[in-house]
Amino acid sequence: MQGKGDNSSRPQVTFRTGMPVRYRVILLVLGVIATIGTGAGLALVNIGVAVISAVLFLAVFISVSFMRTTVQLDAREISIKVAGIFGTKIPYKSIDDVAPAEPTGLTAGMGLRVLQNRTTGYLVGGPSVRITLARTAVLVSSDTPEKLSEAIEVRRADNTSSR
């Protein structure tokens, strides 16, 4: 029989958020323009180098446009990743507050970001959730900030009551 604070039976929950379509389109248009400009400039020197550079350049823009954040809620901690590379783990017991935050855009940047007020961002743009810790905060992009905030609060309450 499980007690009130026993959250071991809660299934792992994963929230995945991709870059909003409007940002993806803007990034891809910029990528095409930059690729054409770079390719044209290099074509004057060497057509082979121009083609290879253009393909690689466009590949980078395409891969960045499909960047996503993944937030995984386990029994005792949150795992956050952006672009499948940069990540962190946050124990529920170290969280002071969690709430939906202002949407982020292209100006805030994408990927792992160091932001104002000791905040680390795991961003792809759009709606976000702010997780406040003792002296720092984490901002993570989320398609469903209300659901993610609520799910974290439920797990946080489970972990607090099981101490």
N, C-alpha and C. Protein backbone atom coordinates (compact mmCIF):
# COMPACT_ATOMS: atom_id res chain seq x y z
N MET A 1 0.85 -1.18 0.00
CA MET A 1 0.00 0.00 0.00
C MET A 1 0.89 1.24 0.00
N GLN A 2 0.49 2.21 -0.74
CA GLN A 2 1.29 3.42 -0.86
C GLN A 2 0.73 4.52 0.04
N GLY A 3 1.66 5.24 0.63
CA GLY A 3 1.27 6.38 1.46
C GLY A 3 1.02 7.61 0.60
N LYS A 4 0.54 8.64 1.24
CA LYS A 4 0.22 9.88 0.54
C LYS A 4 1.42 10.47 -0.20
N GLY A 5 2.59 10.40 0.39
CA GLY A 5 3.78 10.99 -0.21
C GLY A 5 4.53 10.07 -1.16
N ASP A 6 4.04 8.86 -1.40
CA ASP A 6 4.74 7.91 -2.25
C ASP A 6 4.38 8.16 -3.71
N ASN A 7 5.33 8.69 -4.45
CA ASN A 7 5.07 9.00 -5.85
C ASN A 7 5.75 8.03 -6.79
N SER A 8 6.21 6.88 -6.26
CA SER A 8 6.93 5.93 -7.08
C SER A 8 6.04 5.31 -8.15
N SER A 9 4.73 5.35 -7.97
CA SER A 9 3.83 4.77 -8.96
C SER A 9 3.48 5.76 -10.08
N ARG A 10 3.84 7.00 -9.92
CA ARG A 10 3.57 7.98 -10.98
C ARG A 10 4.43 7.67 -12.18
N PRO A 11 3.80 7.60 -13.34
CA PRO A 11 4.60 7.33 -14.54
C PRO A 11 5.44 8.55 -14.92
N GLN A 12 6.54 8.25 -15.60
CA GLN A 12 7.38 9.32 -16.12
C GLN A 12 6.58 10.07 -17.18
N VAL A 13 6.68 11.40 -17.17
CA VAL A 13 5.94 12.23 -18.12
C VAL A 13 6.96 13.04 -18.91
N THR A 14 6.75 13.14 -20.22
CA THR A 14 7.66 13.89 -21.08
C THR A 14 6.90 14.95 -21.85
N PHE A 15 7.43 16.16 -21.84
CA PHE A 15 6.89 17.27 -22.62
C PHE A 15 7.93 17.64 -23.67
N ARG A 16 7.53 17.64 -24.94
CA ARG A 16 8.44 18.02 -26.03
C ARG A 16 7.89 19.26 -26.73
N THR A 17 8.77 20.22 -27.00
CA THR A 17 8.36 21.45 -27.66
C THR A 17 9.31 21.77 -28.79
N GLY A 18 8.76 21.94 -29.97
CA GLY A 18 9.56 22.34 -31.12
C GLY A 18 9.48 23.84 -31.33
N MET A 19 10.35 24.32 -32.18
CA MET A 19 10.36 25.75 -32.50
C MET A 19 9.02 26.12 -33.16
N PRO A 20 8.41 27.22 -32.77
CA PRO A 20 7.16 27.65 -33.42
C PRO A 20 7.36 27.81 -34.92
N VAL A 21 6.32 27.51 -35.69
CA VAL A 21 6.41 27.52 -37.15
C VAL A 21 6.88 28.87 -37.68
N ARG A 22 6.37 29.96 -37.14
CA ARG A 22 6.77 31.28 -37.67
C ARG A 22 8.26 31.53 -37.49
N TYR A 23 8.84 31.08 -36.36
CA TYR A 23 10.28 31.23 -36.15
C TYR A 23 11.06 30.32 -37.08
N ARG A 24 10.53 29.11 -37.27
CA ARG A 24 11.18 28.15 -38.16
C ARG A 24 11.25 28.71 -39.59
N VAL A 25 10.14 29.31 -40.05
CA VAL A 25 10.10 29.87 -41.41
C VAL A 25 11.09 31.02 -41.53
N ILE A 26 11.11 31.92 -40.53
CA ILE A 26 12.05 33.05 -40.56
C ILE A 26 13.49 32.54 -40.60
N LEU A 27 13.79 31.56 -39.76
CA LEU A 27 15.15 31.03 -39.72
C LEU A 27 15.53 30.37 -41.05
N LEU A 28 14.60 29.63 -41.64
CA LEU A 28 14.90 28.98 -42.92
C LEU A 28 15.07 29.99 -44.05
N VAL A 29 14.26 31.05 -44.06
CA VAL A 29 14.42 32.10 -45.08
C VAL A 29 15.79 32.76 -44.92
N LEU A 30 16.17 33.09 -43.69
CA LEU A 30 17.50 33.66 -43.45
C LEU A 30 18.60 32.69 -43.89
N GLY A 31 18.37 31.40 -43.64
CA GLY A 31 19.34 30.39 -44.05
C GLY A 31 19.51 30.32 -45.55
N VAL A 32 18.39 30.38 -46.27
CA VAL A 32 18.45 30.34 -47.74
C VAL A 32 19.18 31.58 -48.27
N ILE A 33 18.84 32.74 -47.72
CA ILE A 33 19.50 33.98 -48.16
C ILE A 33 21.00 33.93 -47.88
N ALA A 34 21.36 33.51 -46.67
CA ALA A 34 22.78 33.42 -46.30
C ALA A 34 23.50 32.38 -47.16
N THR A 35 22.84 31.27 -47.44
CA THR A 35 23.45 30.22 -48.27
C THR A 35 23.68 30.70 -49.69
N ILE A 36 22.70 31.38 -50.25
CA ILE A 36 22.86 31.91 -51.62
C ILE A 36 23.98 32.94 -51.66
N GLY A 37 24.00 33.84 -50.69
CA GLY A 37 25.05 34.86 -50.65
C GLY A 37 26.44 34.26 -50.51
N THR A 38 26.57 33.30 -49.60
CA THR A 38 27.86 32.65 -49.40
C THR A 38 28.27 31.85 -50.63
N GLY A 39 27.31 31.08 -51.16
CA GLY A 39 27.59 30.26 -52.34
C GLY A 39 27.99 31.10 -53.54
N ALA A 40 27.29 32.20 -53.75
CA ALA A 40 27.60 33.07 -54.89
C ALA A 40 28.99 33.68 -54.75
N GLY A 41 29.33 34.11 -53.55
CA GLY A 41 30.66 34.69 -53.32
C GLY A 41 31.76 33.67 -53.54
N LEU A 42 31.55 32.44 -53.05
CA LEU A 42 32.57 31.41 -53.21
C LEU A 42 32.62 30.86 -54.63
N ALA A 43 31.50 30.94 -55.35
CA ALA A 43 31.47 30.43 -56.72
C ALA A 43 32.44 31.20 -57.61
N LEU A 44 32.71 32.44 -57.28
CA LEU A 44 33.68 33.22 -58.05
C LEU A 44 35.09 32.65 -57.91
N VAL A 45 35.35 31.99 -56.78
CA VAL A 45 36.67 31.43 -56.52
C VAL A 45 36.77 29.97 -56.97
N ASN A 46 35.79 29.14 -56.49
CA ASN A 46 35.82 27.71 -56.79
C ASN A 46 34.40 27.16 -56.66
N ILE A 47 33.86 26.64 -57.73
CA ILE A 47 32.47 26.16 -57.73
C ILE A 47 32.28 24.96 -56.80
N GLY A 48 33.27 24.08 -56.73
CA GLY A 48 33.18 22.92 -55.84
C GLY A 48 33.10 23.31 -54.38
N VAL A 49 33.95 24.23 -53.98
CA VAL A 49 33.93 24.73 -52.61
C VAL A 49 32.61 25.44 -52.34
N ALA A 50 32.10 26.16 -53.32
CA ALA A 50 30.84 26.88 -53.16
C ALA A 50 29.69 25.91 -52.91
N VAL A 51 29.63 24.83 -53.66
CA VAL A 51 28.54 23.85 -53.51
C VAL A 51 28.63 23.16 -52.15
N ILE A 52 29.81 22.71 -51.79
CA ILE A 52 29.99 22.04 -50.50
C ILE A 52 29.65 22.98 -49.34
N SER A 53 30.12 24.21 -49.41
CA SER A 53 29.83 25.20 -48.36
C SER A 53 28.34 25.48 -48.27
N ALA A 54 27.69 25.63 -49.41
CA ALA A 54 26.25 25.92 -49.43
C ALA A 54 25.46 24.78 -48.80
N VAL A 55 25.81 23.54 -49.13
CA VAL A 55 25.10 22.38 -48.58
C VAL A 55 25.30 22.31 -47.07
N LEU A 56 26.52 22.50 -46.61
CA LEU A 56 26.79 22.46 -45.17
C LEU A 56 26.09 23.61 -44.43
N PHE A 57 26.14 24.79 -45.03
CA PHE A 57 25.51 25.97 -44.43
C PHE A 57 24.01 25.75 -44.27
N LEU A 58 23.37 25.26 -45.33
CA LEU A 58 21.93 25.01 -45.29
C LEU A 58 21.59 23.89 -44.30
N ALA A 59 22.44 22.89 -44.22
CA ALA A 59 22.22 21.79 -43.27
C ALA A 59 22.19 22.31 -41.83
N VAL A 60 23.07 23.25 -41.51
CA VAL A 60 23.09 23.83 -40.17
C VAL A 60 21.78 24.57 -39.89
N PHE A 61 21.33 25.39 -40.83
CA PHE A 61 20.07 26.13 -40.62
C PHE A 61 18.88 25.19 -40.49
N ILE A 62 18.86 24.13 -41.28
CA ILE A 62 17.75 23.17 -41.20
C ILE A 62 17.77 22.46 -39.85
N SER A 63 18.94 22.01 -39.41
CA SER A 63 19.00 21.29 -38.13
C SER A 63 18.62 22.20 -36.96
N VAL A 64 19.05 23.45 -37.01
CA VAL A 64 18.68 24.39 -35.95
C VAL A 64 17.18 24.66 -35.95
N SER A 65 16.57 24.73 -37.13
CA SER A 65 15.13 25.01 -37.20
C SER A 65 14.28 23.88 -36.63
N PHE A 66 14.85 22.68 -36.52
CA PHE A 66 14.11 21.56 -35.94
C PHE A 66 14.53 21.27 -34.50
N MET A 67 15.20 22.23 -33.86
CA MET A 67 15.61 22.10 -32.48
C MET A 67 14.37 22.01 -31.59
N ARG A 68 14.48 21.27 -30.51
CA ARG A 68 13.36 21.14 -29.57
C ARG A 68 13.85 21.05 -28.14
N THR A 69 12.94 21.36 -27.22
CA THR A 69 13.22 21.15 -25.80
C THR A 69 12.46 19.91 -25.35
N THR A 70 13.06 19.19 -24.43
CA THR A 70 12.42 18.02 -23.85
C THR A 70 12.50 18.15 -22.34
N VAL A 71 11.35 18.08 -21.69
CA VAL A 71 11.28 18.13 -20.24
C VAL A 71 10.71 16.81 -19.77
N GLN A 72 11.48 16.09 -18.97
CA GLN A 72 11.06 14.79 -18.48
C GLN A 72 10.87 14.86 -16.98
N LEU A 73 9.68 14.49 -16.53
CA LEU A 73 9.37 14.51 -15.11
C LEU A 73 9.49 13.10 -14.56
N ASP A 74 10.51 12.87 -13.75
CA ASP A 74 10.72 11.58 -13.11
C ASP A 74 10.16 11.64 -11.69
N ALA A 75 10.39 10.60 -10.94
CA ALA A 75 9.86 10.54 -9.58
C ALA A 75 10.46 11.61 -8.67
N ARG A 76 11.76 11.91 -8.83
CA ARG A 76 12.42 12.81 -7.90
C ARG A 76 13.02 14.07 -8.52
N GLU A 77 13.06 14.14 -9.87
CA GLU A 77 13.70 15.30 -10.50
C GLU A 77 13.14 15.55 -11.90
N ILE A 78 13.45 16.75 -12.38
CA ILE A 78 13.11 17.16 -13.74
C ILE A 78 14.40 17.08 -14.56
N SER A 79 14.30 16.51 -15.74
CA SER A 79 15.43 16.52 -16.68
C SER A 79 15.03 17.41 -17.85
N ILE A 80 15.87 18.39 -18.17
CA ILE A 80 15.59 19.32 -19.26
C ILE A 80 16.71 19.22 -20.28
N LYS A 81 16.33 19.13 -21.54
CA LYS A 81 17.33 19.13 -22.63
C LYS A 81 16.85 20.04 -23.73
N VAL A 82 17.81 20.67 -24.40
CA VAL A 82 17.51 21.45 -25.59
C VAL A 82 18.49 21.02 -26.67
N ALA A 83 17.97 20.84 -27.87
CA ALA A 83 18.76 20.42 -29.02
C ALA A 83 19.37 19.04 -28.82
N GLY A 84 18.88 18.29 -27.85
CA GLY A 84 19.39 16.96 -27.59
C GLY A 84 20.80 16.93 -27.03
N ILE A 85 21.37 18.09 -26.75
CA ILE A 85 22.76 18.18 -26.32
C ILE A 85 22.88 18.77 -24.93
N PHE A 86 22.34 19.97 -24.76
CA PHE A 86 22.50 20.72 -23.51
C PHE A 86 21.37 20.36 -22.56
N GLY A 87 21.72 20.07 -21.32
CA GLY A 87 20.69 19.69 -20.38
C GLY A 87 21.05 19.94 -18.94
N THR A 88 20.06 19.76 -18.09
CA THR A 88 20.24 19.88 -16.66
C THR A 88 19.21 19.01 -15.96
N LYS A 89 19.46 18.73 -14.70
CA LYS A 89 18.50 18.01 -13.85
C LYS A 89 18.24 18.86 -12.62
N ILE A 90 16.98 18.94 -12.25
CA ILE A 90 16.59 19.75 -11.10
C ILE A 90 15.76 18.90 -10.16
N PRO A 91 16.25 18.64 -8.95
CA PRO A 91 15.46 17.91 -7.96
C PRO A 91 14.24 18.75 -7.56
N TYR A 92 13.10 18.10 -7.39
CA TYR A 92 11.89 18.84 -7.00
C TYR A 92 12.07 19.58 -5.69
N LYS A 93 12.84 19.00 -4.77
CA LYS A 93 13.01 19.63 -3.46
C LYS A 93 13.77 20.96 -3.53
N SER A 94 14.47 21.22 -4.65
CA SER A 94 15.21 22.48 -4.76
C SER A 94 14.40 23.58 -5.46
N ILE A 95 13.18 23.26 -5.88
CA ILE A 95 12.34 24.23 -6.58
C ILE A 95 11.56 25.07 -5.58
N ASP A 96 11.66 26.40 -5.72
CA ASP A 96 10.89 27.32 -4.88
C ASP A 96 9.56 27.68 -5.52
N ASP A 97 9.54 27.81 -6.85
CA ASP A 97 8.31 28.21 -7.54
C ASP A 97 8.40 27.79 -9.00
N VAL A 98 7.24 27.57 -9.59
CA VAL A 98 7.16 27.27 -11.02
C VAL A 98 5.89 27.92 -11.56
N ALA A 99 6.00 28.57 -12.72
CA ALA A 99 4.84 29.26 -13.30
C ALA A 99 5.07 29.52 -14.78
N PRO A 100 3.99 29.61 -15.54
CA PRO A 100 4.14 30.02 -16.95
C PRO A 100 4.81 31.39 -17.00
N ALA A 101 5.63 31.60 -18.02
CA ALA A 101 6.36 32.87 -18.17
C ALA A 101 6.05 33.48 -19.52
N GLU A 102 6.60 34.67 -19.73
CA GLU A 102 6.40 35.36 -21.00
C GLU A 102 7.00 34.54 -22.14
N PRO A 103 6.36 34.58 -23.31
CA PRO A 103 6.93 33.89 -24.47
C PRO A 103 8.29 34.50 -24.84
N THR A 104 9.17 33.65 -25.34
CA THR A 104 10.46 34.12 -25.82
C THR A 104 10.45 34.12 -27.35
N GLY A 105 11.25 34.97 -27.93
CA GLY A 105 11.30 35.07 -29.38
C GLY A 105 12.71 34.90 -29.90
N LEU A 106 12.90 35.26 -31.14
CA LEU A 106 14.21 35.13 -31.76
C LEU A 106 15.25 36.00 -31.06
N THR A 107 14.82 37.13 -30.48
CA THR A 107 15.78 38.02 -29.83
C THR A 107 16.35 37.42 -28.55
N ALA A 108 15.61 36.53 -27.89
CA ALA A 108 16.12 35.87 -26.68
C ALA A 108 17.13 34.78 -27.04
N GLY A 109 17.10 34.37 -28.29
CA GLY A 109 18.02 33.33 -28.75
C GLY A 109 17.40 31.95 -28.63
N MET A 110 18.09 30.99 -29.20
CA MET A 110 17.64 29.61 -29.18
C MET A 110 18.74 28.74 -28.60
N GLY A 111 18.35 27.64 -28.00
CA GLY A 111 19.33 26.72 -27.42
C GLY A 111 19.58 27.04 -25.97
N LEU A 112 20.76 26.70 -25.50
CA LEU A 112 21.16 27.01 -24.13
C LEU A 112 21.56 28.47 -24.06
N ARG A 113 20.91 29.25 -23.20
CA ARG A 113 21.14 30.69 -23.13
C ARG A 113 21.42 31.10 -21.68
N VAL A 114 22.31 32.06 -21.50
CA VAL A 114 22.51 32.69 -20.20
C VAL A 114 21.76 34.01 -20.27
N LEU A 115 20.75 34.15 -19.42
CA LEU A 115 19.87 35.31 -19.44
C LEU A 115 20.09 36.18 -18.20
N GLN A 116 19.34 37.27 -18.14
CA GLN A 116 19.44 38.19 -16.99
C GLN A 116 18.96 37.52 -15.71
N ASN A 117 19.31 38.13 -14.60
CA ASN A 117 18.84 37.72 -13.28
C ASN A 117 19.17 36.26 -12.94
N ARG A 118 20.40 35.85 -13.28
CA ARG A 118 20.86 34.49 -12.96
C ARG A 118 19.92 33.41 -13.51
N THR A 119 19.44 33.61 -14.70
CA THR A 119 18.51 32.67 -15.33
C THR A 119 19.21 31.95 -16.47
N THR A 120 19.01 30.65 -16.54
CA THR A 120 19.51 29.85 -17.64
C THR A 120 18.31 29.45 -18.49
N GLY A 121 18.41 29.68 -19.78
CA GLY A 121 17.31 29.36 -20.69
C GLY A 121 17.60 28.13 -21.53
N TYR A 122 16.60 27.29 -21.65
CA TYR A 122 16.61 26.15 -22.57
C TYR A 122 15.48 26.45 -23.54
N LEU A 123 15.82 27.15 -24.62
CA LEU A 123 14.79 27.82 -25.42
C LEU A 123 14.77 27.41 -26.88
N VAL A 124 13.54 27.36 -27.40
CA VAL A 124 13.32 27.24 -28.85
C VAL A 124 12.35 28.31 -29.33
N GLY A 125 11.94 29.19 -28.43
CA GLY A 125 11.00 30.25 -28.77
C GLY A 125 9.59 29.89 -28.38
N GLY A 126 8.75 30.90 -28.25
CA GLY A 126 7.34 30.68 -27.91
C GLY A 126 7.10 30.69 -26.41
N PRO A 127 5.96 30.10 -25.98
CA PRO A 127 5.60 30.08 -24.56
C PRO A 127 6.68 29.40 -23.73
N SER A 128 6.74 29.76 -22.45
CA SER A 128 7.78 29.19 -21.60
C SER A 128 7.30 29.03 -20.16
N VAL A 129 8.11 28.31 -19.39
CA VAL A 129 7.86 28.09 -17.96
C VAL A 129 9.11 28.53 -17.21
N ARG A 130 8.90 29.25 -16.11
CA ARG A 130 10.01 29.70 -15.27
C ARG A 130 10.02 28.85 -14.00
N ILE A 131 11.16 28.20 -13.77
CA ILE A 131 11.35 27.39 -12.57
C ILE A 131 12.34 28.15 -11.70
N THR A 132 11.86 28.60 -10.54
CA THR A 132 12.69 29.41 -9.65
C THR A 132 13.31 28.52 -8.58
N LEU A 133 14.62 28.66 -8.42
CA LEU A 133 15.37 27.93 -7.41
C LEU A 133 15.86 28.95 -6.38
N ALA A 134 16.65 28.53 -5.43
CA ALA A 134 17.09 29.43 -4.35
C ALA A 134 17.69 30.73 -4.86
N ARG A 135 18.73 30.66 -5.69
CA ARG A 135 19.40 31.88 -6.15
C ARG A 135 19.42 31.99 -7.67
N THR A 136 18.81 31.06 -8.35
CA THR A 136 18.82 31.06 -9.81
C THR A 136 17.43 30.72 -10.33
N ALA A 137 17.32 30.69 -11.64
CA ALA A 137 16.07 30.28 -12.27
C ALA A 137 16.39 29.59 -13.59
N VAL A 138 15.45 28.79 -14.03
CA VAL A 138 15.55 28.12 -15.32
C VAL A 138 14.30 28.48 -16.11
N LEU A 139 14.52 28.89 -17.35
CA LEU A 139 13.42 29.22 -18.26
C LEU A 139 13.45 28.17 -19.36
N VAL A 140 12.34 27.49 -19.56
CA VAL A 140 12.28 26.43 -20.56
C VAL A 140 11.07 26.63 -21.48
N SER A 141 11.28 26.49 -22.77
CA SER A 141 10.19 26.62 -23.73
C SER A 141 9.22 25.46 -23.57
N SER A 142 7.93 25.75 -23.71
CA SER A 142 6.90 24.72 -23.59
C SER A 142 5.67 25.13 -24.40
N ASP A 143 5.16 24.21 -25.22
CA ASP A 143 3.92 24.44 -25.95
C ASP A 143 2.73 24.57 -25.00
N THR A 144 2.84 23.91 -23.86
CA THR A 144 1.75 23.87 -22.89
C THR A 144 2.26 24.30 -21.51
N PRO A 145 2.55 25.59 -21.34
CA PRO A 145 3.15 26.04 -20.08
C PRO A 145 2.28 25.80 -18.85
N GLU A 146 0.97 25.91 -19.00
CA GLU A 146 0.09 25.68 -17.85
C GLU A 146 0.13 24.21 -17.42
N LYS A 147 0.07 23.30 -18.40
CA LYS A 147 0.11 21.86 -18.08
C LYS A 147 1.46 21.47 -17.49
N LEU A 148 2.53 21.98 -18.06
CA LEU A 148 3.86 21.65 -17.54
C LEU A 148 4.02 22.18 -16.12
N SER A 149 3.62 23.42 -15.88
CA SER A 149 3.72 24.01 -14.53
C SER A 149 2.92 23.20 -13.53
N GLU A 150 1.71 22.83 -13.91
CA GLU A 150 0.85 22.05 -13.02
C GLU A 150 1.46 20.67 -12.73
N ALA A 151 1.98 20.02 -13.76
CA ALA A 151 2.58 18.70 -13.58
C ALA A 151 3.80 18.77 -12.66
N ILE A 152 4.60 19.82 -12.79
CA ILE A 152 5.76 19.99 -11.91
C ILE A 152 5.30 20.24 -10.47
N GLU A 153 4.27 21.08 -10.31
CA GLU A 153 3.75 21.37 -8.96
C GLU A 153 3.23 20.10 -8.28
N VAL A 154 2.56 19.24 -9.03
CA VAL A 154 2.04 17.99 -8.46
C VAL A 154 3.19 17.12 -7.98
N ARG A 155 4.22 16.97 -8.81
CA ARG A 155 5.38 16.16 -8.43
C ARG A 155 6.13 16.80 -7.26
N ARG A 156 6.20 18.11 -7.29
CA ARG A 156 6.87 18.84 -6.21
C ARG A 156 6.14 18.62 -4.88
N ALA A 157 4.83 18.68 -4.92
CA ALA A 157 4.03 18.45 -3.71
C ALA A 157 4.22 17.03 -3.20
N ASP A 158 4.27 16.06 -4.12
CA ASP A 158 4.50 14.66 -3.73
C ASP A 158 5.84 14.52 -3.01
N ASN A 159 6.86 15.17 -3.55
CA ASN A 159 8.20 15.07 -2.97
C ASN A 159 8.31 15.80 -1.65
N THR A 160 7.57 16.89 -1.49
CA THR A 160 7.58 17.64 -0.24
C THR A 160 6.89 16.85 0.85
N SER A 161 5.77 16.20 0.53
CA SER A 161 5.01 15.47 1.53
C SER A 161 5.67 14.14 1.90
N SER A 162 6.64 13.67 1.08
CA SER A 162 7.28 12.39 1.39
C SER A 162 8.57 12.57 2.21
N ARG A 163 8.90 13.79 2.62
CA ARG A 163 10.12 14.03 3.41
C ARG A 163 9.97 13.54 4.82
